[in-house]
């Protein structure tokens, strides 16, 4: 989760796509001009050896400088020793 947040901060689209599970990965990803400020992981919930949920809040600002908080409950799966983002529910 933290590495994906860093990729959003750095606008590293290649890394985001590489760490997105193939069953839900978009063909293309265009990032907006959000400036990400912080990440707080509130829950890491292992469901099995190969699946987990992560609840987090990420603070950011839009291009006009308006602050906001994105809250998500994300699902991850582990395949071949590597974790992949599957999807998430925004709150």
N, C-alpha and C. Protein backbone atom coordinates (compact mmCIF):
# COMPACT_ATOMS: atom_id res chain seq x y z
N UNK A 1 0.82 -1.19 0.00
CA UNK A 1 0.00 0.00 0.00
C UNK A 1 0.87 1.25 0.00
N UNK A 2 1.86 1.27 0.86
CA UNK A 2 2.71 2.46 0.94
C UNK A 2 3.47 2.71 -0.36
N UNK A 3 3.91 1.65 -1.00
CA UNK A 3 4.64 1.84 -2.26
C UNK A 3 3.71 2.38 -3.35
N UNK A 4 2.46 1.96 -3.34
CA UNK A 4 1.51 2.49 -4.33
C UNK A 4 1.20 3.96 -4.04
N UNK A 5 1.09 4.32 -2.77
CA UNK A 5 0.88 5.72 -2.42
C UNK A 5 2.05 6.56 -2.94
N UNK A 6 3.27 6.08 -2.71
CA UNK A 6 4.45 6.78 -3.20
C UNK A 6 4.41 6.92 -4.71
N UNK A 7 3.95 5.89 -5.40
CA UNK A 7 3.84 5.96 -6.86
C UNK A 7 2.82 7.02 -7.27
N UNK A 8 1.72 7.16 -6.52
CA UNK A 8 0.76 8.23 -6.82
C UNK A 8 1.41 9.59 -6.60
N UNK A 9 2.18 9.74 -5.52
CA UNK A 9 2.86 11.01 -5.25
C UNK A 9 3.81 11.36 -6.39
N UNK A 10 4.57 10.36 -6.86
CA UNK A 10 5.57 10.56 -7.91
C UNK A 10 4.98 10.48 -9.32
N UNK A 11 3.68 10.15 -9.40
CA UNK A 11 2.99 10.00 -10.69
C UNK A 11 3.65 8.92 -11.55
N UNK A 12 4.02 7.82 -10.88
CA UNK A 12 4.67 6.68 -11.53
C UNK A 12 3.60 5.69 -12.03
N UNK A 13 3.03 5.99 -13.18
CA UNK A 13 1.95 5.19 -13.75
C UNK A 13 2.40 3.76 -14.01
N UNK A 14 3.62 3.57 -14.49
CA UNK A 14 4.10 2.22 -14.79
C UNK A 14 4.05 1.34 -13.54
N UNK A 15 4.53 1.85 -12.42
CA UNK A 15 4.52 1.07 -11.18
C UNK A 15 3.10 0.77 -10.73
N UNK A 16 2.23 1.75 -10.81
CA UNK A 16 0.84 1.53 -10.42
C UNK A 16 0.20 0.42 -11.23
N UNK A 17 0.42 0.43 -12.53
CA UNK A 17 -0.14 -0.61 -13.38
C UNK A 17 0.49 -1.97 -13.11
N UNK A 18 1.79 -2.00 -12.82
CA UNK A 18 2.48 -3.26 -12.54
C UNK A 18 2.00 -3.89 -11.23
N UNK A 19 1.55 -3.07 -10.29
CA UNK A 19 1.12 -3.59 -8.99
C UNK A 19 -0.40 -3.70 -8.88
N UNK A 20 -1.09 -3.57 -9.99
CA UNK A 20 -2.54 -3.70 -10.06
C UNK A 20 -2.86 -5.08 -10.60
N UNK A 21 -3.72 -5.83 -9.94
CA UNK A 21 -4.01 -7.19 -10.37
C UNK A 21 -4.58 -7.19 -11.79
N UNK A 22 -4.15 -8.15 -12.58
CA UNK A 22 -4.53 -8.19 -13.99
C UNK A 22 -6.03 -8.29 -14.22
N UNK A 23 -6.78 -8.82 -13.26
CA UNK A 23 -8.23 -8.96 -13.45
C UNK A 23 -8.99 -7.65 -13.32
N UNK A 24 -8.38 -6.66 -12.71
CA UNK A 24 -9.05 -5.37 -12.52
C UNK A 24 -8.23 -4.18 -13.04
N UNK A 25 -7.06 -4.45 -13.57
CA UNK A 25 -6.16 -3.40 -14.05
C UNK A 25 -6.73 -2.69 -15.27
N UNK A 26 -6.74 -1.35 -15.23
CA UNK A 26 -7.18 -0.62 -16.42
C UNK A 26 -6.13 -0.72 -17.53
N UNK A 27 -6.56 -0.55 -18.76
CA UNK A 27 -5.61 -0.58 -19.88
C UNK A 27 -4.70 0.65 -19.85
N UNK A 28 -5.27 1.76 -19.47
CA UNK A 28 -4.52 3.02 -19.38
C UNK A 28 -4.86 3.67 -18.06
N UNK A 29 -3.94 4.49 -17.58
CA UNK A 29 -4.16 5.20 -16.33
C UNK A 29 -3.63 6.62 -16.50
N UNK A 30 -4.53 7.57 -16.34
CA UNK A 30 -4.13 8.98 -16.40
C UNK A 30 -4.35 9.58 -15.02
N UNK A 31 -3.31 10.12 -14.46
CA UNK A 31 -3.40 10.72 -13.14
C UNK A 31 -3.68 12.21 -13.25
N UNK A 32 -4.48 12.70 -12.33
CA UNK A 32 -4.78 14.13 -12.33
C UNK A 32 -3.67 14.89 -11.60
N UNK A 33 -3.90 16.14 -11.36
CA UNK A 33 -2.88 17.00 -10.75
C UNK A 33 -2.98 17.07 -9.23
N UNK A 34 -3.59 16.06 -8.63
CA UNK A 34 -3.67 16.02 -7.17
C UNK A 34 -2.28 16.06 -6.56
N UNK A 35 -2.13 16.83 -5.50
CA UNK A 35 -0.90 16.86 -4.72
C UNK A 35 -1.19 16.07 -3.45
N UNK A 36 -0.54 14.92 -3.31
CA UNK A 36 -0.77 14.08 -2.15
C UNK A 36 0.10 14.54 -1.00
N UNK A 37 -0.51 14.61 0.19
CA UNK A 37 0.17 15.17 1.38
C UNK A 37 0.55 14.12 2.41
N UNK A 38 -0.31 13.13 2.63
CA UNK A 38 -0.01 12.13 3.67
C UNK A 38 -0.85 10.89 3.48
N UNK A 39 -0.38 9.81 4.09
CA UNK A 39 -1.08 8.54 4.08
C UNK A 39 -1.11 7.99 5.49
N UNK A 40 -2.28 7.55 5.92
CA UNK A 40 -2.40 6.88 7.22
C UNK A 40 -3.14 5.57 7.01
N UNK A 41 -2.42 4.46 7.22
CA UNK A 41 -3.04 3.14 7.15
C UNK A 41 -3.64 2.87 8.52
N UNK A 42 -4.96 2.68 8.55
CA UNK A 42 -5.63 2.47 9.84
C UNK A 42 -5.83 1.00 10.16
N UNK A 43 -5.98 0.17 9.12
CA UNK A 43 -6.20 -1.26 9.34
C UNK A 43 -5.47 -2.06 8.27
N UNK A 44 -4.70 -3.04 8.72
CA UNK A 44 -4.16 -4.06 7.82
C UNK A 44 -4.74 -5.37 8.32
N UNK A 45 -5.55 -6.00 7.49
CA UNK A 45 -6.27 -7.20 7.91
C UNK A 45 -5.92 -8.37 6.99
N UNK A 46 -4.98 -9.23 7.41
CA UNK A 46 -4.69 -10.41 6.61
C UNK A 46 -5.89 -11.35 6.65
N UNK A 47 -6.37 -11.76 5.49
CA UNK A 47 -7.50 -12.69 5.41
C UNK A 47 -7.02 -14.13 5.22
N UNK A 48 -5.86 -14.25 4.62
CA UNK A 48 -5.22 -15.56 4.41
C UNK A 48 -3.76 -15.28 4.06
N UNK A 49 -3.05 -16.32 3.67
CA UNK A 49 -1.65 -16.14 3.26
C UNK A 49 -1.54 -15.32 1.98
N UNK A 50 -2.63 -15.29 1.21
CA UNK A 50 -2.57 -14.64 -0.11
C UNK A 50 -3.60 -13.54 -0.32
N UNK A 51 -4.28 -13.11 0.72
CA UNK A 51 -5.22 -12.01 0.55
C UNK A 51 -5.27 -11.16 1.82
N UNK A 52 -5.54 -9.88 1.61
CA UNK A 52 -5.59 -8.94 2.73
C UNK A 52 -6.44 -7.74 2.36
N UNK A 53 -6.89 -7.06 3.39
CA UNK A 53 -7.58 -5.78 3.21
C UNK A 53 -6.76 -4.71 3.92
N UNK A 54 -6.78 -3.53 3.34
CA UNK A 54 -6.09 -2.38 3.92
C UNK A 54 -7.05 -1.21 3.91
N UNK A 55 -7.27 -0.62 5.08
CA UNK A 55 -8.07 0.60 5.16
C UNK A 55 -7.12 1.75 5.39
N UNK A 56 -7.32 2.82 4.63
CA UNK A 56 -6.41 3.95 4.73
C UNK A 56 -7.13 5.26 4.48
N UNK A 57 -6.45 6.32 4.87
CA UNK A 57 -6.89 7.68 4.55
C UNK A 57 -5.69 8.40 3.94
N UNK A 58 -5.90 8.99 2.78
CA UNK A 58 -4.85 9.76 2.11
C UNK A 58 -5.32 11.20 1.98
N UNK A 59 -4.49 12.10 2.45
CA UNK A 59 -4.84 13.53 2.36
C UNK A 59 -4.16 14.12 1.13
N UNK A 60 -4.90 14.98 0.46
CA UNK A 60 -4.37 15.60 -0.74
C UNK A 60 -5.00 16.96 -0.96
N UNK A 61 -4.59 17.59 -2.05
CA UNK A 61 -5.15 18.88 -2.45
C UNK A 61 -5.34 18.85 -3.95
N UNK A 62 -6.47 19.43 -4.40
CA UNK A 62 -6.72 19.51 -5.83
C UNK A 62 -5.88 20.64 -6.43
N UNK A 63 -5.90 20.79 -7.76
CA UNK A 63 -5.05 21.82 -8.40
C UNK A 63 -5.31 23.24 -7.90
N UNK A 64 -6.50 23.49 -7.36
CA UNK A 64 -6.81 24.83 -6.83
C UNK A 64 -6.40 24.96 -5.37
N UNK A 65 -5.83 23.91 -4.80
CA UNK A 65 -5.36 23.96 -3.42
C UNK A 65 -6.38 23.56 -2.37
N UNK A 66 -7.55 23.10 -2.81
CA UNK A 66 -8.57 22.67 -1.86
C UNK A 66 -8.20 21.30 -1.29
N UNK A 67 -8.15 21.22 0.04
CA UNK A 67 -7.77 19.99 0.72
C UNK A 67 -8.94 19.00 0.74
N UNK A 68 -8.59 17.71 0.74
CA UNK A 68 -9.58 16.66 0.86
C UNK A 68 -8.93 15.42 1.46
N UNK A 69 -9.76 14.50 1.90
CA UNK A 69 -9.28 13.22 2.41
C UNK A 69 -9.99 12.10 1.66
N UNK A 70 -9.20 11.21 1.10
CA UNK A 70 -9.72 10.03 0.41
C UNK A 70 -9.61 8.86 1.38
N UNK A 71 -10.73 8.19 1.64
CA UNK A 71 -10.74 7.02 2.51
C UNK A 71 -11.13 5.81 1.66
N UNK A 72 -10.35 4.73 1.83
CA UNK A 72 -10.60 3.55 1.02
C UNK A 72 -10.39 2.29 1.84
N UNK A 73 -11.19 1.28 1.53
CA UNK A 73 -11.04 -0.07 2.05
C UNK A 73 -10.63 -0.91 0.84
N UNK A 74 -9.35 -1.27 0.77
CA UNK A 74 -8.77 -1.91 -0.42
C UNK A 74 -8.58 -3.41 -0.22
N UNK A 75 -8.65 -4.13 -1.35
CA UNK A 75 -8.36 -5.56 -1.34
C UNK A 75 -7.06 -5.81 -2.11
N UNK A 76 -6.22 -6.68 -1.55
CA UNK A 76 -4.96 -7.06 -2.17
C UNK A 76 -4.86 -8.58 -2.22
N UNK A 77 -4.19 -9.10 -3.23
CA UNK A 77 -3.90 -10.53 -3.32
C UNK A 77 -2.40 -10.71 -3.56
N UNK A 78 -1.89 -11.82 -3.07
CA UNK A 78 -0.47 -12.13 -3.24
C UNK A 78 -0.34 -13.29 -4.21
N UNK A 79 0.44 -13.07 -5.27
CA UNK A 79 0.70 -14.10 -6.27
C UNK A 79 2.19 -14.12 -6.56
N UNK A 80 2.75 -15.31 -6.57
CA UNK A 80 4.18 -15.48 -6.85
C UNK A 80 5.04 -14.58 -5.97
N UNK A 81 4.63 -14.45 -4.69
CA UNK A 81 5.41 -13.68 -3.73
C UNK A 81 5.25 -12.18 -3.83
N UNK A 82 4.33 -11.71 -4.64
CA UNK A 82 4.15 -10.27 -4.83
C UNK A 82 2.70 -9.86 -4.59
N UNK A 83 2.52 -8.74 -3.88
CA UNK A 83 1.17 -8.24 -3.59
C UNK A 83 0.66 -7.37 -4.73
N UNK A 84 -0.63 -7.53 -5.05
CA UNK A 84 -1.29 -6.76 -6.10
C UNK A 84 -2.56 -6.13 -5.56
N UNK A 85 -2.79 -4.89 -5.96
CA UNK A 85 -4.04 -4.20 -5.64
C UNK A 85 -5.14 -4.78 -6.52
N UNK A 86 -6.28 -5.13 -5.90
CA UNK A 86 -7.41 -5.65 -6.66
C UNK A 86 -8.44 -4.55 -6.88
N UNK A 87 -8.98 -4.02 -5.80
CA UNK A 87 -9.96 -2.95 -5.89
C UNK A 87 -10.19 -2.36 -4.50
N UNK A 88 -11.06 -1.37 -4.44
CA UNK A 88 -11.34 -0.75 -3.16
C UNK A 88 -12.67 -0.04 -3.16
N UNK A 89 -13.19 0.16 -1.96
CA UNK A 89 -14.42 0.90 -1.79
C UNK A 89 -14.09 2.23 -1.13
N UNK A 90 -14.54 3.31 -1.76
CA UNK A 90 -14.31 4.64 -1.22
C UNK A 90 -15.35 4.96 -0.17
N UNK A 91 -14.93 5.72 0.81
CA UNK A 91 -15.87 6.16 1.85
C UNK A 91 -15.82 7.64 2.00
